[in-house]
Amino acid sequence: MSSPQLAPELFGIHHGQGLRQFSELAIALLLSSLIGLEREARQKSAGLRTHTLVGVGSALFMEVSIHGFGALLGVEGVSLDPSRVAAQVVSGIGFIGGGLIFVKKDAVRGLTTAATIWLTCAIGMACGGGLALLAIGATAVHFLIVRGFPKLTERTMKASPYERVELRLTYRSQHGLLGQMLAMCTGSGFRVTDVQVETGADDENVSAEVLLRLEGTGSAHPLVEALAELDGVRGVALGRQNDSTE
C-alpha cells in the first residue's frame, strides 16, 4: 500500500499556486471585466461585478480541480477525475443564469444576459485550464455577437418589410373586442409579442387601454385603419418599438 505524498507548504510557491496560476487568474479577471463593462454600459441586471466574479470564480474552480488534489495521487483506492469539478461548475452557473431570466406576459427578458454569464463562466474555466488564447478568442466573439449582430440585424430589417410596432388602443371592454383585435393583428401578418391591458371606469361605461407589441412582415397602417373602424374602439396610436429583450 503506497503512502500519500506530502502536501506542499501552505504558502509555498509550487506548481499548484505559482506564477502560472496567478497569471491565469489575472487573464480571467481581465476578460470577464471587459464583458462585465459592456453589460454595465447597457445597464443590464448583471454587470461588472457579477461577470467578474463569475469569470474569476470559474477559473479558480478549474485551478483547484487540476492542482488541488495532488496530495492524493498514488493513494491506493483513490482515483482522480479533474473534469468532475468542471462539470459541477457548468451545472451550478445555471442557477445564476436562471435568476436573470423573467417572463412578463408573453415576453421573455434577460436571455442575452444569462447567456453572457454562461459564456463568461466558460471563459474563466478556459483561463483556469491554461487555454488563454481560446479564452481571448471567445471574448472577442462575445463582442462580435453583442455589438456586431444587432447592427447586422438592423440593416437586414431595413432591407426587408419586417416591422416591429406598438399599438396603443382605447376601447369599450366586456364586448370581446380584445380577442377580435388580436385576431386582426395575426391575420395581418404580425405576431403578438406582448399584451398589456389597463382597465378603468369612466362616466358612461367601462373602458380599457391595451398596449400591443407586434412584429412581422405585415403593413401597420392598413391594420391601424381596420382597428379604428371596429365598433367600440375609441382610439388607436401607432409607435415603433425601441426596447431591448437582452
Protein backbone atom coordinates (compact mmCIF):
# COMPACT_ATOMS: atom_id res chain seq x y z
CA MET A 1 0.00 0.00 0.00
CA SER A 2 1.52 3.28 -1.08
CA SER A 3 1.53 6.30 1.17
CA PRO A 4 0.24 9.68 0.03
CA GLN A 5 2.67 12.35 -1.00
CA LEU A 6 3.37 15.06 1.50
CA ALA A 7 1.22 18.12 0.89
CA PRO A 8 3.17 21.21 -0.25
CA GLU A 9 3.66 24.15 2.06
CA LEU A 10 0.55 26.25 2.61
CA PHE A 11 2.15 29.45 1.35
CA GLY A 12 4.78 27.81 -0.80
CA ILE A 13 5.25 28.69 -4.46
CA HIS A 14 4.91 25.43 -6.36
CA HIS A 15 3.24 24.02 -9.45
CA GLY A 16 -0.25 24.41 -7.94
CA GLN A 17 -0.04 28.03 -6.87
CA GLY A 18 2.79 29.56 -8.80
CA LEU A 19 3.16 32.41 -11.25
CA ARG A 20 1.34 30.48 -13.99
CA GLN A 21 -1.79 30.04 -11.87
CA PHE A 22 -1.82 33.68 -10.80
CA SER A 23 -1.36 34.71 -14.42
CA GLU A 24 -4.32 32.56 -15.45
CA LEU A 25 -6.49 34.16 -12.76
CA ALA A 26 -5.35 37.61 -13.90
CA ILE A 27 -6.34 36.85 -17.50
CA ALA A 28 -9.74 35.61 -16.31
CA LEU A 29 -10.12 38.83 -14.30
CA LEU A 30 -9.30 40.97 -17.32
CA LEU A 31 -11.51 39.17 -19.84
CA SER A 32 -14.53 38.84 -17.54
CA SER A 33 -14.19 42.51 -16.57
CA LEU A 34 -14.33 43.54 -20.22
CA ILE A 35 -17.55 41.58 -20.68
CA GLY A 36 -18.95 42.98 -17.44
CA LEU A 37 -18.20 46.55 -18.51
CA GLU A 38 -20.11 46.00 -21.75
CA ARG A 39 -23.11 44.71 -19.81
CA GLU A 40 -22.80 47.54 -17.28
CA ALA A 41 -22.78 50.11 -20.09
CA ARG A 42 -26.09 48.71 -21.27
CA GLN A 43 -27.50 48.86 -17.71
CA LYS A 44 -28.25 45.15 -17.52
CA SER A 45 -29.20 43.37 -14.31
CA ALA A 46 -25.84 41.56 -14.24
CA GLY A 47 -22.99 43.98 -14.74
CA LEU A 48 -19.30 44.42 -13.99
CA ARG A 49 -19.14 42.83 -10.54
CA THR A 50 -21.28 39.81 -11.37
CA HIS A 51 -19.43 38.91 -14.57
CA THR A 52 -16.02 39.48 -12.99
CA LEU A 53 -16.85 37.27 -10.01
CA VAL A 54 -18.21 34.55 -12.30
CA GLY A 55 -15.11 34.61 -14.52
CA VAL A 56 -12.55 34.60 -11.70
CA GLY A 57 -14.52 32.06 -9.67
CA SER A 58 -14.76 29.68 -12.60
CA ALA A 59 -11.02 29.99 -13.23
CA LEU A 60 -10.30 29.26 -9.57
CA PHE A 61 -12.52 26.18 -9.63
CA MET A 62 -10.52 24.90 -12.58
CA GLU A 63 -7.23 25.57 -10.77
CA VAL A 64 -8.47 23.64 -7.74
CA SER A 65 -9.72 20.84 -9.96
CA ILE A 66 -6.37 20.48 -11.71
CA HIS A 67 -3.91 21.19 -8.88
CA GLY A 68 -5.80 20.91 -5.61
CA PHE A 69 -5.73 17.14 -5.15
CA GLY A 70 -2.10 16.38 -5.89
CA ALA A 71 -1.52 15.08 -2.36
CA LEU A 72 -3.90 12.20 -3.05
CA LEU A 73 -2.05 10.94 -6.11
CA GLY A 74 -0.72 7.45 -5.59
CA VAL A 75 -3.06 6.60 -2.72
CA GLU A 76 -4.48 3.11 -3.16
CA GLY A 77 -8.18 3.11 -3.98
CA VAL A 78 -8.26 6.80 -4.89
CA SER A 79 -8.91 7.84 -8.47
CA LEU A 80 -9.00 11.46 -9.56
CA ASP A 81 -11.11 12.92 -12.37
CA PRO A 82 -10.39 16.65 -12.78
CA SER A 83 -13.36 17.03 -15.13
CA ARG A 84 -15.84 16.37 -12.31
CA VAL A 85 -15.32 19.79 -10.73
CA ALA A 86 -15.64 21.46 -14.14
CA ALA A 87 -18.92 19.64 -14.77
CA GLN A 88 -20.32 20.87 -11.45
CA VAL A 89 -19.35 24.46 -12.29
CA VAL A 90 -21.30 24.25 -15.53
CA SER A 91 -24.33 22.92 -13.65
CA GLY A 92 -24.08 25.50 -10.88
CA ILE A 93 -23.86 28.51 -13.16
CA GLY A 94 -27.35 27.68 -14.39
CA PHE A 95 -28.79 28.95 -11.09
CA ILE A 96 -27.34 32.42 -11.66
CA GLY A 97 -28.45 32.45 -15.29
CA GLY A 98 -31.95 31.28 -14.37
CA GLY A 99 -32.29 34.14 -11.88
CA LEU A 100 -31.68 36.69 -14.64
CA ILE A 101 -34.50 35.46 -16.88
CA PHE A 102 -38.05 36.61 -16.22
CA VAL A 103 -41.28 36.42 -18.16
CA LYS A 104 -43.81 39.25 -18.37
CA LYS A 105 -46.99 38.36 -20.19
CA ASP A 106 -45.72 36.64 -23.34
CA ALA A 107 -42.37 38.47 -23.44
CA VAL A 108 -39.13 36.97 -22.13
CA ARG A 109 -36.39 39.23 -20.79
CA GLY A 110 -32.81 38.56 -19.72
CA LEU A 111 -31.92 35.76 -22.12
CA THR A 112 -28.89 37.52 -23.60
CA THR A 113 -27.52 38.49 -20.18
CA ALA A 114 -27.99 34.95 -18.88
CA ALA A 115 -26.19 33.57 -21.93
CA THR A 116 -23.38 36.08 -21.34
CA ILE A 117 -22.99 34.83 -17.76
CA TRP A 118 -22.77 31.29 -19.14
CA LEU A 119 -20.12 32.35 -21.66
CA THR A 120 -18.15 34.24 -19.00
CA CYS A 121 -18.08 31.09 -16.90
CA ALA A 122 -16.69 29.13 -19.87
CA ILE A 123 -14.06 31.82 -20.49
CA GLY A 124 -12.98 31.70 -16.84
CA MET A 125 -12.74 27.91 -16.98
CA ALA A 126 -10.64 28.13 -20.13
CA CYS A 127 -8.26 30.52 -18.37
CA GLY A 128 -8.01 28.24 -15.34
CA GLY A 129 -7.39 25.28 -17.64
CA GLY A 130 -4.46 27.00 -19.32
CA LEU A 131 -6.29 27.82 -22.55
CA ALA A 132 -5.70 31.56 -22.53
CA LEU A 133 -5.72 32.02 -26.31
CA LEU A 134 -9.04 30.21 -26.56
CA ALA A 135 -10.46 32.42 -23.79
CA ILE A 136 -9.30 35.59 -25.57
CA GLY A 137 -10.87 34.36 -28.82
CA ALA A 138 -14.17 33.62 -27.06
CA THR A 139 -14.17 37.12 -25.54
CA ALA A 140 -13.69 38.63 -28.98
CA VAL A 141 -16.57 36.50 -30.27
CA HIS A 142 -18.75 37.85 -27.44
CA PHE A 143 -18.21 41.45 -28.56
CA LEU A 144 -18.78 40.47 -32.17
CA ILE A 145 -22.14 38.97 -31.26
CA VAL A 146 -23.50 41.59 -28.85
CA ARG A 147 -22.17 44.60 -30.75
CA GLY A 148 -22.00 43.48 -34.36
CA PHE A 149 -25.06 41.28 -34.73
CA PRO A 150 -27.62 43.98 -33.75
CA LYS A 151 -26.21 46.28 -36.46
CA LEU A 152 -26.35 43.44 -38.98
CA THR A 153 -29.92 42.63 -37.94
CA GLU A 154 -30.92 46.28 -38.19
CA ARG A 155 -29.55 46.53 -41.72
CA THR A 156 -31.28 43.30 -42.69
CA MET A 157 -34.57 44.51 -41.27
CA LYS A 158 -34.28 47.79 -43.15
CA ALA A 159 -33.79 45.88 -46.37
CA SER A 160 -36.88 43.74 -45.73
CA PRO A 161 -40.52 44.56 -44.93
CA TYR A 162 -40.10 43.19 -41.38
CA GLU A 163 -41.51 45.58 -38.79
CA ARG A 164 -41.71 45.92 -35.03
CA VAL A 165 -44.51 48.21 -33.92
CA GLU A 166 -46.51 49.17 -30.85
CA LEU A 167 -50.24 49.79 -30.91
CA ARG A 168 -51.98 51.54 -28.03
CA LEU A 169 -55.76 51.11 -28.27
CA THR A 170 -58.56 52.53 -26.17
CA TYR A 171 -61.85 50.60 -26.40
CA ARG A 172 -65.00 49.54 -24.57
CA SER A 173 -64.23 46.48 -22.52
CA GLN A 174 -66.50 43.49 -21.90
CA HIS A 175 -67.50 43.31 -25.55
CA GLY A 176 -64.98 40.69 -26.75
CA LEU A 177 -63.08 43.36 -28.63
CA LEU A 178 -59.64 42.34 -27.39
CA GLY A 179 -59.85 38.89 -28.89
CA GLN A 180 -61.13 40.36 -32.15
CA MET A 181 -58.29 42.87 -32.28
CA LEU A 182 -55.68 40.19 -31.62
CA ALA A 183 -57.15 38.08 -34.40
CA MET A 184 -56.94 41.02 -36.79
CA CYS A 185 -53.28 41.58 -35.88
CA THR A 186 -52.31 37.96 -36.51
CA GLY A 187 -54.38 37.91 -39.69
CA SER A 188 -52.48 40.94 -40.98
CA GLY A 189 -49.10 39.19 -40.86
CA PHE A 190 -48.00 40.15 -37.36
CA ARG A 191 -47.05 38.11 -34.30
CA VAL A 192 -48.15 39.47 -30.92
CA THR A 193 -45.12 39.53 -28.60
CA ASP A 194 -46.58 41.43 -25.65
CA VAL A 195 -50.03 42.41 -24.36
CA GLN A 196 -50.52 44.92 -21.54
CA VAL A 197 -54.09 45.76 -20.54
CA GLU A 198 -55.23 48.53 -18.19
CA THR A 199 -58.91 48.78 -17.29
CA GLY A 200 -60.61 51.85 -15.82
CA ALA A 201 -64.09 53.29 -15.38
CA ASP A 202 -65.49 56.47 -16.91
CA ASP A 203 -68.86 58.19 -16.65
CA GLU A 204 -70.58 56.08 -19.29
CA ASN A 205 -69.16 52.57 -19.17
CA VAL A 206 -66.04 50.58 -18.54
CA SER A 207 -63.16 51.46 -20.83
CA ALA A 208 -59.84 49.72 -21.31
CA GLU A 209 -56.48 50.57 -22.75
CA VAL A 210 -54.21 47.91 -24.23
CA LEU A 211 -50.63 48.09 -25.45
CA LEU A 212 -49.82 45.55 -28.17
CA ARG A 213 -46.29 44.86 -29.30
CA LEU A 214 -46.21 43.30 -32.75
CA GLU A 215 -43.57 42.05 -35.15
CA GLY A 216 -43.92 40.63 -38.63
CA THR A 217 -43.97 41.33 -42.31
CA GLY A 218 -47.37 42.98 -42.49
CA SER A 219 -48.15 46.64 -43.09
CA ALA A 220 -49.02 48.57 -39.94
CA HIS A 221 -51.04 51.44 -41.42
CA PRO A 222 -53.82 49.34 -43.00
CA LEU A 223 -54.07 47.44 -39.72
CA VAL A 224 -54.46 50.68 -37.78
CA GLU A 225 -57.23 51.81 -40.12
CA ALA A 226 -59.04 48.48 -39.77
CA LEU A 227 -58.79 48.54 -35.98
CA ALA A 228 -60.06 52.13 -35.82
CA GLU A 229 -63.20 51.14 -37.74
CA LEU A 230 -64.19 48.49 -35.18
CA ASP A 231 -67.30 49.31 -33.19
CA GLY A 232 -66.23 50.13 -29.65
CA VAL A 233 -62.66 51.21 -30.47
CA ARG A 234 -62.16 54.81 -29.35
CA GLY A 235 -58.58 55.43 -30.36
CA VAL A 236 -55.51 53.82 -31.93
CA ALA A 237 -51.92 55.12 -31.59
CA LEU A 238 -49.07 53.67 -33.63
CA GLY A 239 -45.42 53.65 -32.50
CA ARG A 240 -42.14 51.89 -33.20
CA GLN A 241 -40.51 49.54 -30.75
CA ASN A 242 -37.16 50.55 -29.30
CA ASP A 243 -36.95 48.31 -26.22
CA SER A 244 -34.37 45.54 -25.76
CA THR A 245 -35.05 41.95 -24.75
CA GLU A 246 -31.48 41.24 -23.68
